Protein backbone atom coordinates (compact mmCIF):
# COMPACT_ATOMS: atom_id res chain seq x y z
CA MET A 1 24.33 19.49 -18.99
CA VAL A 2 25.29 22.97 -17.79
CA PRO A 3 22.70 25.24 -16.09
CA ASP A 4 22.54 28.86 -17.28
CA PRO A 5 24.92 30.70 -14.90
CA ASP A 6 23.01 33.97 -15.33
CA ARG A 7 19.82 32.36 -14.00
CA TRP A 8 21.64 30.08 -11.56
CA PRO A 9 24.78 31.89 -10.34
CA SER A 10 25.59 29.07 -7.90
CA SER A 11 26.11 26.72 -10.87
CA ARG A 12 29.33 28.44 -11.96
CA ASP A 13 32.64 26.55 -11.98
CA GLY A 14 30.96 23.26 -12.86
CA LYS A 15 28.90 23.06 -9.66
CA GLY A 16 25.61 22.56 -11.50
CA PHE A 17 22.58 22.39 -9.21
CA THR A 18 24.54 21.02 -6.25
CA LYS A 19 24.19 24.20 -4.15
CA VAL A 20 20.48 24.54 -4.95
CA ALA A 21 19.89 20.92 -3.93
CA GLN A 22 21.76 21.46 -0.65
CA ILE A 23 19.64 24.50 0.23
CA VAL A 24 16.42 22.67 -0.63
CA HIS A 25 17.46 19.66 1.45
CA SER A 26 18.34 21.91 4.40
CA MET A 27 14.69 23.04 4.40
CA GLY A 28 13.51 19.44 4.73
CA LEU A 29 12.33 19.33 1.12
CA LYS A 30 13.14 17.23 -1.93
CA PHE A 31 14.73 18.64 -5.09
CA GLY A 32 13.37 17.78 -8.53
CA ILE A 33 14.11 18.74 -12.12
CA HIS A 34 12.15 18.62 -15.40
CA VAL A 35 14.15 17.18 -18.29
CA MET A 36 13.38 16.36 -21.91
CA ARG A 37 13.90 13.31 -24.08
CA GLY A 38 17.24 12.44 -25.62
CA ILE A 39 19.72 15.13 -26.51
CA SER A 40 19.34 18.88 -27.03
CA THR A 41 19.48 20.40 -30.50
CA GLN A 42 22.14 22.75 -29.14
CA ALA A 43 24.45 19.84 -28.25
CA PHE A 44 23.65 18.11 -31.56
CA ASN A 45 24.51 21.18 -33.64
CA ALA A 46 27.72 21.72 -31.67
CA ASN A 47 28.52 18.01 -32.12
CA THR A 48 29.82 17.74 -28.59
CA PRO A 49 31.73 14.63 -27.41
CA ILE A 50 29.90 11.94 -25.44
CA LEU A 51 31.11 11.45 -21.85
CA ASP A 52 31.99 7.95 -20.68
CA VAL A 53 31.43 8.01 -16.89
CA THR A 54 33.51 4.85 -16.45
CA THR A 55 36.66 6.62 -17.70
CA GLY A 56 35.82 10.29 -17.25
CA LYS A 57 36.81 10.85 -20.88
CA ALA A 58 35.14 10.98 -24.29
CA TYR A 59 33.35 7.75 -25.19
CA GLN A 60 35.31 5.56 -27.60
CA GLU A 61 34.20 2.52 -29.53
CA SER A 62 35.46 0.83 -32.70
CA GLY A 63 38.63 2.87 -32.52
CA ARG A 64 37.06 6.33 -32.60
CA LYS A 65 35.50 8.98 -30.40
CA TRP A 66 31.71 9.34 -30.60
CA LEU A 67 29.98 12.68 -30.91
CA ALA A 68 26.46 14.07 -30.53
CA LYS A 69 25.64 13.78 -34.23
CA ASP A 70 26.43 10.06 -34.05
CA ILE A 71 23.58 9.42 -31.62
CA GLY A 72 20.93 12.10 -32.26
CA ILE A 73 17.92 11.14 -34.39
CA LYS A 74 16.67 14.31 -36.11
CA GLU A 75 13.52 12.63 -37.41
CA ARG A 76 12.44 11.91 -33.83
CA ALA A 77 12.48 15.45 -32.51
CA CYS A 78 10.16 16.15 -29.60
CA ALA A 79 6.89 16.85 -31.41
CA TRP A 80 5.85 19.87 -29.33
CA MET A 81 9.41 21.26 -29.00
CA ARG A 82 10.91 20.46 -32.38
CA ASN A 83 13.81 22.87 -32.11
CA GLY A 84 14.71 21.81 -28.60
CA PHE A 85 15.33 18.07 -28.23
CA MET A 86 15.51 14.84 -30.20
CA SER A 87 15.76 11.12 -29.40
CA VAL A 88 19.08 9.34 -29.12
CA ASP A 89 19.95 5.94 -30.51
CA THR A 90 19.64 3.72 -27.42
CA LYS A 91 20.79 0.70 -29.40
CA SER A 92 24.29 2.15 -29.73
CA GLY A 93 26.84 2.09 -26.96
CA ALA A 94 27.41 5.82 -27.39
CA GLY A 95 23.70 6.60 -27.05
CA ARG A 96 23.48 4.61 -23.84
CA ALA A 97 26.67 6.22 -22.55
CA PHE A 98 25.15 9.65 -23.09
CA LEU A 99 21.98 8.85 -21.10
CA ARG A 100 24.06 7.21 -18.37
CA SER A 101 26.20 10.33 -18.04
CA LEU A 102 23.12 12.56 -17.66
CA TYR A 103 21.58 10.63 -14.80
CA HIS A 104 24.90 10.16 -13.03
CA GLN A 105 25.22 13.94 -13.18
CA TYR A 106 21.73 14.38 -11.69
CA ALA A 107 22.61 12.01 -8.85
CA ASP A 108 25.89 13.87 -8.20
CA TRP A 109 23.91 17.12 -7.90
CA GLY A 110 21.63 15.58 -5.28
CA VAL A 111 18.47 15.36 -7.40
CA ASP A 112 15.58 13.43 -5.80
CA PHE A 113 12.96 13.62 -8.56
CA VAL A 114 13.17 13.61 -12.36
CA LYS A 115 10.21 14.41 -14.59
CA HIS A 116 11.16 12.94 -17.96
CA ASP A 117 9.14 14.69 -20.65
CA CYS A 118 8.39 13.91 -24.30
CA VAL A 119 8.83 10.15 -23.80
CA PHE A 120 5.27 9.02 -22.99
CA GLY A 121 1.77 9.26 -24.43
CA GLU A 122 1.86 10.31 -28.07
CA ASP A 123 5.64 10.74 -27.70
CA PHE A 124 6.12 7.17 -26.41
CA ASP A 125 9.76 6.06 -26.36
CA PRO A 126 9.93 2.76 -24.43
CA ASP A 127 13.60 2.21 -25.31
CA GLU A 128 14.73 5.42 -23.63
CA ILE A 129 12.42 4.86 -20.66
CA SER A 130 13.70 1.33 -20.06
CA TYR A 131 17.35 2.32 -20.28
CA VAL A 132 16.96 5.34 -18.01
CA SER A 133 15.16 3.11 -15.51
CA LYS A 134 18.05 0.64 -15.63
CA VAL A 135 20.55 3.44 -14.95
CA LEU A 136 18.49 4.68 -12.00
CA THR A 137 18.64 1.26 -10.34
CA GLU A 138 22.44 1.41 -10.50
CA LEU A 139 22.83 4.80 -8.81
CA ASN A 140 23.93 5.26 -5.22
CA ARG A 141 20.85 7.34 -4.36
CA PRO A 142 17.13 6.83 -5.10
CA ILE A 143 15.61 9.15 -7.70
CA LEU A 144 11.86 9.21 -8.24
CA TYR A 145 11.15 8.66 -11.94
CA SER A 146 8.16 10.41 -13.55
CA LEU A 147 6.99 10.26 -17.20
CA SER A 148 5.20 12.83 -19.35
CA PRO A 149 3.18 13.82 -21.35
CA GLY A 150 -0.10 11.98 -20.83
CA SER A 151 -2.06 12.56 -24.04
CA SER A 152 -3.49 9.33 -25.55
CA VAL A 153 -2.17 7.17 -22.71
CA THR A 154 -4.03 3.90 -22.21
CA PRO A 155 -3.72 1.25 -19.45
CA ALA A 156 -2.19 -1.11 -22.03
CA MET A 157 0.55 1.41 -22.79
CA ALA A 158 1.17 2.10 -19.11
CA ARG A 159 1.59 -1.61 -18.36
CA GLN A 160 4.59 -1.69 -20.68
CA VAL A 161 6.54 0.70 -18.45
CA SER A 162 4.82 0.96 -15.05
CA ARG A 163 7.31 -1.45 -13.43
CA MET A 164 10.17 0.79 -14.61
CA VAL A 165 8.88 4.08 -13.19
CA ASN A 166 7.20 5.64 -10.15
CA MET A 167 4.55 7.84 -11.78
CA TYR A 168 3.30 8.60 -15.26
CA ARG A 169 0.93 11.18 -16.67
CA ILE A 170 -2.37 9.88 -18.04
CA THR A 171 -3.96 13.14 -19.25
CA GLY A 172 -3.03 16.28 -21.12
CA ASP A 173 -1.91 19.39 -19.23
CA ASP A 174 -4.33 20.39 -16.50
CA TRP A 175 -5.23 24.07 -16.12
CA ASP A 176 -7.78 25.88 -13.99
CA THR A 177 -10.89 25.35 -16.10
CA TRP A 178 -13.80 23.07 -15.27
CA GLY A 179 -13.43 21.43 -18.67
CA ASP A 180 -9.94 20.30 -17.73
CA VAL A 181 -11.13 18.91 -14.38
CA ALA A 182 -14.11 17.06 -15.89
CA ALA A 183 -11.89 15.49 -18.56
CA HIS A 184 -10.09 13.46 -15.88
CA PHE A 185 -13.04 11.35 -14.74
CA ASN A 186 -13.19 8.81 -17.58
CA VAL A 187 -9.47 8.16 -17.83
CA THR A 188 -9.13 7.91 -14.04
CA ARG A 189 -11.95 5.37 -13.94
CA ASP A 190 -10.28 3.29 -16.64
CA PHE A 191 -6.89 3.16 -14.91
CA SER A 192 -8.52 2.20 -11.63
CA ALA A 193 -10.51 -0.58 -13.31
CA ALA A 194 -7.26 -1.84 -14.85
CA ASN A 195 -5.67 -2.10 -11.35
CA MET A 196 -2.95 0.41 -12.22
CA ILE A 197 -3.26 2.46 -9.01
CA GLY A 198 -0.31 1.43 -6.84
CA ALA A 199 0.91 -1.29 -9.23
CA LYS A 200 4.49 -2.52 -8.97
CA GLY A 201 6.98 0.18 -9.93
CA LEU A 202 10.63 1.21 -9.76
CA ARG A 203 11.97 0.37 -6.29
CA GLY A 204 8.39 0.20 -5.02
CA LYS A 205 5.09 1.16 -6.64
CA SER A 206 3.88 3.24 -9.56
CA TRP A 207 1.01 5.72 -9.79
CA PRO A 208 -1.11 7.24 -12.58
CA ASP A 209 -0.49 11.00 -12.46
CA LEU A 210 -3.38 13.42 -13.09
CA ASP A 211 -0.97 16.40 -13.34
CA MET A 212 -0.33 19.28 -10.97
CA LEU A 213 -3.09 21.06 -9.09
CA PRO A 214 -3.49 24.56 -10.64
CA LEU A 215 -4.57 26.29 -7.45
CA GLY A 216 -3.70 29.59 -5.77
CA TRP A 217 -1.55 32.17 -7.54
CA LEU A 218 -1.03 31.27 -11.22
CA THR A 219 -0.16 32.58 -14.65
CA ASP A 220 -1.56 31.63 -18.05
CA PRO A 221 -0.47 28.65 -20.20
CA GLY A 222 2.70 29.47 -22.11
CA SER A 223 3.48 32.53 -19.97
CA ASN A 224 6.45 32.21 -17.64
CA GLU A 225 6.57 35.74 -16.30
CA GLY A 226 2.93 36.74 -15.88
CA PRO A 227 0.62 38.51 -15.71
CA HIS A 228 -0.27 36.57 -12.58
CA ARG A 229 -3.76 35.90 -11.30
CA ARG A 230 -5.85 33.83 -8.93
CA CYS A 231 -7.12 30.36 -9.87
CA ASN A 232 -10.20 30.54 -12.10
CA LEU A 233 -11.90 27.56 -10.42
CA ASN A 234 -14.40 28.45 -7.70
CA LEU A 235 -14.16 26.79 -4.29
CA ASP A 236 -16.63 24.01 -5.14
CA GLU A 237 -14.68 23.15 -8.29
CA GLN A 238 -11.37 23.20 -6.41
CA ARG A 239 -12.78 20.83 -3.80
CA SER A 240 -14.02 18.49 -6.53
CA GLN A 241 -10.59 18.45 -8.14
CA VAL A 242 -8.57 17.71 -5.01
CA THR A 243 -11.14 15.11 -3.92
CA LEU A 244 -10.83 13.20 -7.21
CA TRP A 245 -7.03 13.43 -7.09
CA ALA A 246 -7.05 12.05 -3.52
CA MET A 247 -9.56 9.26 -4.22
CA ALA A 248 -7.59 8.19 -7.32
CA LYS A 249 -4.31 8.35 -5.32
CA SER A 250 -2.71 10.60 -7.90
CA PRO A 251 0.57 12.19 -6.80
CA LEU A 252 -0.39 15.57 -5.29
CA MET A 253 1.77 18.25 -6.91
CA PHE A 254 0.95 21.87 -6.15
CA GLY A 255 1.15 24.04 -9.29
CA GLY A 256 0.76 27.50 -7.76
CA ASP A 257 3.23 30.04 -6.37
CA MET A 258 4.15 28.93 -2.84
CA ARG A 259 5.21 32.48 -1.99
CA GLN A 260 1.64 33.71 -2.54
CA LEU A 261 -0.18 30.89 -0.74
CA ASP A 262 -3.51 32.09 0.67
CA LYS A 263 -5.24 30.41 3.63
CA ALA A 264 -8.10 28.88 1.62
CA THR A 265 -5.67 27.19 -0.77
CA PHE A 266 -3.41 26.06 2.06
CA ASP A 267 -6.35 24.55 3.95
CA LEU A 268 -7.39 22.70 0.80
CA ILE A 269 -4.05 21.13 -0.08
CA SER A 270 -3.26 20.28 3.55
CA ASN A 271 -6.70 18.82 4.40
CA PRO A 272 -5.98 15.86 6.74
CA THR A 273 -8.77 13.66 5.38
CA LEU A 274 -7.65 14.11 1.77
CA LEU A 275 -4.02 13.40 2.66
CA GLU A 276 -5.06 10.30 4.61
CA ILE A 277 -7.04 9.00 1.64
CA ASN A 278 -4.29 9.81 -0.84
CA SER A 279 -1.56 8.16 1.22
CA PHE A 280 -3.16 5.18 2.93
CA SER A 281 -6.49 4.20 1.33
CA SER A 282 -7.08 1.10 -0.81
CA ASN A 283 -9.78 -0.38 -3.07
CA ASN A 284 -10.00 2.98 -4.85
CA LYS A 285 -12.48 2.85 -7.73
CA GLU A 286 -15.53 4.41 -9.28
CA LEU A 287 -18.79 3.54 -7.49
CA PRO A 288 -21.69 2.74 -9.84
CA TYR A 289 -24.44 2.31 -7.20
CA PHE A 290 -26.31 5.47 -6.25
CA SER A 291 -29.39 7.48 -7.15
CA SER A 292 -29.61 10.96 -8.56
CA LYS A 293 -32.81 12.99 -8.91
CA ASN A 294 -34.79 9.92 -7.92
CA ARG A 295 -33.53 7.95 -10.92
CA ALA A 296 -31.60 4.82 -9.98
CA MET A 297 -28.53 4.69 -12.11
CA ARG A 298 -25.57 2.54 -12.79
CA ASN A 299 -22.92 4.20 -14.92
CA ARG A 300 -22.35 1.73 -17.70
CA SER A 301 -21.09 2.81 -21.10
CA ARG A 302 -23.34 1.57 -23.90
CA HIS A 303 -22.12 1.57 -27.46
CA SER A 304 -24.52 2.29 -30.25
CA ALA A 305 -24.04 2.63 -33.97
CA SER A 306 -24.89 6.31 -33.72
CA GLU A 307 -22.03 7.12 -31.34
CA PRO A 308 -19.26 8.98 -33.21
CA LEU A 309 -15.84 7.46 -33.70
CA THR A 310 -12.60 9.36 -33.14
CA LEU A 311 -9.08 8.54 -34.27
CA GLY A 312 -6.71 7.89 -31.38
CA LEU A 313 -3.52 6.06 -30.45
CA THR A 314 -3.07 2.93 -28.38
CA SER A 315 -0.56 0.20 -27.61
CA CYS A 316 0.04 -2.04 -30.61
CA THR A 317 -0.37 -5.13 -28.41
CA GLY A 318 -3.96 -4.29 -27.41
CA TYR A 319 -6.94 -5.83 -29.16
CA GLU A 320 -8.31 -2.36 -29.97
CA ALA A 321 -5.33 -1.67 -32.28
CA SER A 322 -6.17 -4.39 -34.79
CA GLY A 323 -8.73 -3.52 -37.45
CA TRP A 324 -6.95 -1.85 -40.36
CA SER A 325 -6.71 -3.25 -43.88
CA ALA A 326 -5.71 -2.08 -47.33
CA ARG A 327 -8.11 -1.80 -50.24
CA ALA A 328 -7.66 -0.74 -53.85
CA THR A 329 -9.49 2.16 -55.44
CA GLY A 330 -10.45 2.83 -59.04
CA ASP A 331 -7.66 5.42 -59.33
CA ASP A 332 -4.79 2.94 -58.99
CA LEU A 333 -4.37 4.21 -55.45
CA GLU A 334 -4.57 2.20 -52.26
CA GLN A 335 -6.47 3.10 -49.12
CA VAL A 336 -6.01 2.04 -45.53
CA CYS A 337 -9.41 1.53 -43.89
CA TRP A 338 -10.69 0.80 -40.41
CA LYS A 339 -12.93 -2.24 -39.82
CA THR A 340 -15.58 -2.46 -42.49
CA ASN A 341 -18.35 -2.87 -39.90
CA SER A 342 -17.56 0.62 -38.56
CA SER A 343 -18.70 3.63 -40.54
CA ASN A 344 -19.40 7.32 -40.35
CA ARG A 345 -22.85 8.88 -40.37
CA HIS A 346 -22.98 8.50 -44.15
CA GLY A 347 -22.45 4.73 -43.91
CA GLU A 348 -18.92 4.88 -45.37
CA PRO A 349 -15.93 3.21 -43.68
CA PHE A 350 -13.15 5.45 -42.37
CA CYS A 351 -10.32 5.36 -44.90
CA LEU A 352 -7.09 7.22 -45.64
CA TYR A 353 -5.06 7.32 -48.86
CA LYS A 354 -1.71 5.52 -48.77
CA ARG A 355 1.28 7.02 -50.56
CA GLN A 356 5.01 6.50 -50.42
CA SER A 357 6.84 9.53 -49.11
CA SER A 358 8.40 11.51 -51.94
CA LEU A 359 11.29 12.22 -49.59
CA LEU A 360 12.35 8.59 -49.90
CA MET A 361 13.47 9.50 -53.40
CA ASP A 362 16.15 11.92 -52.18
CA ASP A 363 19.78 11.17 -51.48
CA ASP A 364 19.54 10.83 -47.68
CA LEU A 365 20.53 7.16 -47.29
CA THR A 366 19.91 7.12 -43.55
CA TYR A 367 16.39 8.45 -44.05
CA LYS A 368 15.71 5.82 -46.73
CA GLN A 369 16.89 2.98 -44.52
CA ARG A 370 14.92 4.16 -41.47
CA PHE A 371 11.62 4.57 -43.28
CA ASP A 372 11.80 1.89 -45.95
CA GLY A 373 8.35 0.31 -46.21
CA LYS A 374 6.66 3.20 -44.37
CA VAL A 375 4.04 5.40 -45.99
CA HIS A 376 2.28 8.73 -45.68
CA LEU A 377 -1.48 8.68 -45.04
CA LEU A 378 -3.44 11.47 -46.69
CA LYS A 379 -6.90 12.78 -45.93
CA SER A 380 -7.72 12.99 -49.62
CA THR A 381 -6.03 12.91 -52.99
CA LYS A 382 -6.60 16.63 -53.43
CA THR A 383 -4.54 17.85 -50.47
CA GLU A 384 -0.96 17.50 -49.28
CA ALA A 385 -2.07 17.01 -45.67
CA CYS A 386 -0.63 13.95 -43.93
CA LEU A 387 -1.80 12.23 -40.79
CA GLY A 388 0.48 12.86 -37.81
CA ALA A 389 0.48 10.85 -34.59
CA SER A 390 1.75 13.48 -32.20
CA PRO A 391 0.68 17.07 -31.58
CA ASN A 392 2.96 19.96 -32.37
CA GLU A 393 2.19 21.49 -28.99
CA LYS A 394 1.21 20.25 -25.55
CA LEU A 395 -2.52 19.84 -25.09
CA THR A 396 -4.71 20.57 -22.11
CA SER A 397 -6.83 17.80 -20.64
CA LYS A 398 -10.05 19.01 -22.23
CA GLU A 399 -8.59 19.21 -25.72
CA SER A 400 -9.12 16.33 -28.08
CA LYS A 401 -6.65 16.91 -30.88
CA ARG A 402 -6.07 13.41 -32.18
CA GLY A 403 -4.89 12.28 -35.57
CA SER A 404 -4.17 15.84 -36.71
CA PHE A 405 -3.32 16.55 -40.35
CA SER A 406 -0.51 18.87 -41.39
CA PRO A 407 1.61 19.49 -44.51
CA CYS A 408 3.49 16.35 -45.47
CA GLY A 409 7.14 16.37 -44.41
CA ARG A 410 9.97 14.15 -43.27
CA ASP A 411 8.89 13.89 -39.64
CA ALA A 412 8.72 10.39 -38.22
CA ASN A 413 5.31 11.15 -36.72
CA GLN A 414 3.87 11.21 -40.26
CA MET A 415 5.28 7.82 -41.28
CA TRP A 416 3.08 4.74 -40.86
CA GLU A 417 3.38 1.00 -41.41
CA LEU A 418 0.42 -1.34 -42.00
CA ASN A 419 1.27 -4.69 -40.41
CA TYR A 420 0.01 -8.16 -41.32
CA ASN A 421 -1.96 -8.38 -38.05
CA GLY A 422 -4.14 -5.40 -38.96
CA THR A 423 -2.31 -2.78 -36.89
CA LEU A 424 -1.25 0.62 -38.22
CA MET A 425 1.95 1.61 -36.41
CA ASN A 426 3.47 5.07 -36.25
CA SER A 427 7.22 5.43 -36.71
CA TYR A 428 7.57 8.23 -34.17
CA SER A 429 5.77 6.89 -31.11
CA GLY A 430 5.65 3.16 -31.82
CA LEU A 431 1.92 3.37 -31.04
CA CYS A 432 -0.89 2.18 -33.27
CA ALA A 433 -3.90 4.03 -34.63
CA SER A 434 -7.33 2.99 -33.42
CA MET A 435 -10.88 4.19 -33.91
CA ARG A 436 -12.72 4.66 -30.62
CA THR A 437 -16.24 5.42 -29.58
CA GLN A 438 -16.48 8.99 -28.31
CA LYS A 439 -18.13 8.58 -24.92
CA ALA A 440 -19.83 11.20 -22.81
CA ILE A 441 -17.84 12.51 -19.88
CA SER A 442 -20.50 11.56 -17.35
CA GLY A 443 -23.43 9.29 -16.69
CA PRO A 444 -27.09 10.35 -16.40
CA ASN A 445 -27.48 13.73 -14.70
CA GLY A 446 -23.71 14.22 -14.76
CA VAL A 447 -23.02 12.68 -11.34
CA ARG A 448 -20.03 10.46 -10.58
CA ALA A 449 -19.03 8.62 -7.40
CA TRP A 450 -15.87 7.01 -6.03
CA ILE A 451 -15.27 4.66 -3.10
CA ALA A 452 -12.18 3.68 -1.08
CA THR A 453 -11.37 1.98 2.21
CA GLY A 454 -9.16 3.39 4.95
CA ARG A 455 -6.41 1.75 6.97
CA LYS A 456 -8.58 1.76 10.11
CA GLY A 457 -11.57 0.17 8.43
CA GLU A 458 -13.37 3.39 7.47
CA ILE A 459 -15.09 3.77 4.11
CA TYR A 460 -14.76 6.89 1.98
CA VAL A 461 -17.44 7.76 -0.57
CA ALA A 462 -17.15 10.83 -2.81
CA PHE A 463 -19.84 12.25 -5.11
CA PHE A 464 -19.13 14.68 -7.95
CA ASN A 465 -21.59 16.83 -9.88
CA LEU A 466 -20.27 17.40 -13.40
CA ASP A 467 -23.45 19.14 -14.46
CA ASN A 468 -24.29 22.83 -14.77
CA GLU A 469 -27.19 22.57 -12.33
CA LYS A 470 -27.48 21.38 -8.74
CA ALA A 471 -28.08 17.68 -8.16
CA GLU A 472 -29.66 15.56 -5.46
CA VAL A 473 -27.80 12.33 -4.76
CA SER A 474 -28.65 9.39 -2.52
CA MET A 475 -26.82 6.19 -1.61
CA ARG A 476 -28.05 3.05 0.16
CA ILE A 477 -25.68 1.70 2.80
CA ALA A 478 -26.45 -1.86 1.69
CA ASP A 479 -25.14 -1.06 -1.80
CA LEU A 480 -21.65 -0.45 -0.44
CA GLY A 481 -21.35 -4.21 -0.09
CA LYS A 482 -21.69 -4.60 -3.86
CA ALA A 483 -18.58 -2.50 -4.36
CA LEU A 484 -16.76 -4.01 -1.35
CA PRO A 485 -17.84 -7.67 -1.33
CA ARG A 486 -15.31 -8.65 1.35
CA LYS A 487 -16.95 -6.30 3.83
CA LYS A 488 -20.23 -7.45 5.40
CA ILE A 489 -22.22 -4.25 5.02
CA ASP A 490 -25.66 -5.53 3.95
CA SER A 491 -27.19 -4.98 7.38
CA ALA A 492 -24.62 -2.60 8.80
CA SER A 493 -25.16 0.71 10.54
CA CYS A 494 -22.65 3.46 9.87
CA LYS A 495 -21.55 6.57 11.67
CA CYS A 496 -21.35 9.19 8.95
CA ARG A 497 -19.67 12.58 8.50
CA GLU A 498 -19.40 14.81 5.42
CA GLU A 499 -16.03 16.52 5.04
CA TRP A 500 -16.77 19.77 3.20
CA THR A 501 -19.82 20.85 5.20
CA GLY A 502 -18.56 19.30 8.43
CA LYS A 503 -22.05 17.87 8.95
CA GLU A 504 -22.36 14.91 11.33
CA PHE A 505 -25.13 12.56 10.17
CA GLY A 506 -24.89 10.36 13.25
CA VAL A 507 -25.60 6.64 12.90
CA ILE A 508 -27.46 5.74 9.70
CA LYS A 509 -28.85 2.38 8.61
CA GLY A 510 -30.78 2.94 5.41
CA SER A 511 -29.32 5.58 3.15
CA VAL A 512 -27.61 8.94 3.08
CA SER A 513 -28.58 11.86 0.85
CA THR A 514 -27.15 15.27 0.05
CA GLN A 515 -27.36 18.09 -2.46
CA LEU A 516 -24.40 18.79 -4.72
CA GLU A 517 -23.66 22.30 -5.90
CA ILE A 518 -22.89 22.96 -9.55
CA HIS A 519 -19.50 21.26 -10.19
CA GLY A 520 -19.42 20.53 -6.47
CA SER A 521 -18.65 17.42 -4.47
CA ALA A 522 -19.41 15.67 -1.20
CA LEU A 523 -16.97 13.47 0.69
CA PHE A 524 -18.44 11.05 3.24
CA VAL A 525 -16.44 9.25 5.90
CA LEU A 526 -18.28 6.19 7.21
CA ASN A 527 -17.42 3.91 10.11
CA CYS A 528 -19.69 0.86 9.79
CA LYS A 529 -20.57 -2.00 12.13
CA SER A 530 -22.45 -5.13 11.13
CA ALA A 531 -25.72 -5.81 12.93
């Protein structure tokens, strides 16, 4: 890889990002880069030689030199950057040599952090992830390994790679809208319940990543040069966002312009209580015991036949992936249908039409071999729209573009295989299609709560109002023991302080109550003693 010398003059003469890394390190900071999957289309088209780092020369195997076109897989181009990057064949020695040369180069530059994009979520590529992780363990310097994007990520998928990485996105791109913030609550709850927060990772632990914090001085999505503007979230919404990120122990990555950092934003991202929670708390999870507007509530999801189903992607090893079967129609066509006991509002099962790709009839032998036995899935017999498993562009967290249909082509993300165990696997991502219940983003009255314990025995409780009206919330001290059974809190008295108002509640024994602003939050710090 060669940085653009016009944008990075210090990279000339083969120096790469070495000088930039040295300057960053001299400031007491770490240096990170954002890279894409596999190999660039530019290198593929130029058919450049593959470097063998063990010899310093072009990679040779079976008596010949290997080139970019020997390892690039055109059908597995990055779905939201099709003209930019494609997967490499990690099963070949040349493909592995190429990836090894990249990460050795990053280490030589002095890189501390790599965000590896287009390999996770709907772009899942476990082979590339596992090999890159192996290379990182062999380097002479630690490099933090991060995965992206996060669309359609499930705990089951994350478990396949969490031991190989340090952090991984679990949502779409997060921008400064309340819809984006609110979209994080369900997925964060699910990863916490699955014990994925702080699970074993590469050279340490791994962390679900809720994406960067879009605070301070920003620009719009897709715009690199402006116009620039202030964050669209109001102060209450910003506090809610950073509080959830801290309680969920998400990596805290600031997404604004550091050169235009105002005092309010600085105070928010450097809040000592939030940083303490994010770095040192434990037992982080959603708290179901509290009252809102005098209605006792416990946030449990209830499925009913009237709840709509949406098409999503999941790990093929999970129970939720199995449920597809083939059935014949009167038109000599075959359908692929989800479980017969699931139906739409008209009482009909969800089905797609199965058809062999017409492109398998052409003369591309490699294409035929790769997709033999795979099929296109059409919305109807009257359209040439095929189901694709990966979006053509990056999504924000509030967007729900799943199972999108587009004109049928030769892309791997439109090729599917129905397996004997009832799973429907996509050739691009290796993930399986699943029909899920579309759940509401909040419980009754739109209030959520989280709990965590501190390293000095303190208890943190955060309340969030997802609603468009103010909310009254109340919590009984005795109920904390239900969420923290190892702590004897049933008859405890607690010294209580609320972070955002600075209010000292003194010693409380029964309950604590507060009012939440629209989209606002409250963060209580409790030091409890048993009676």
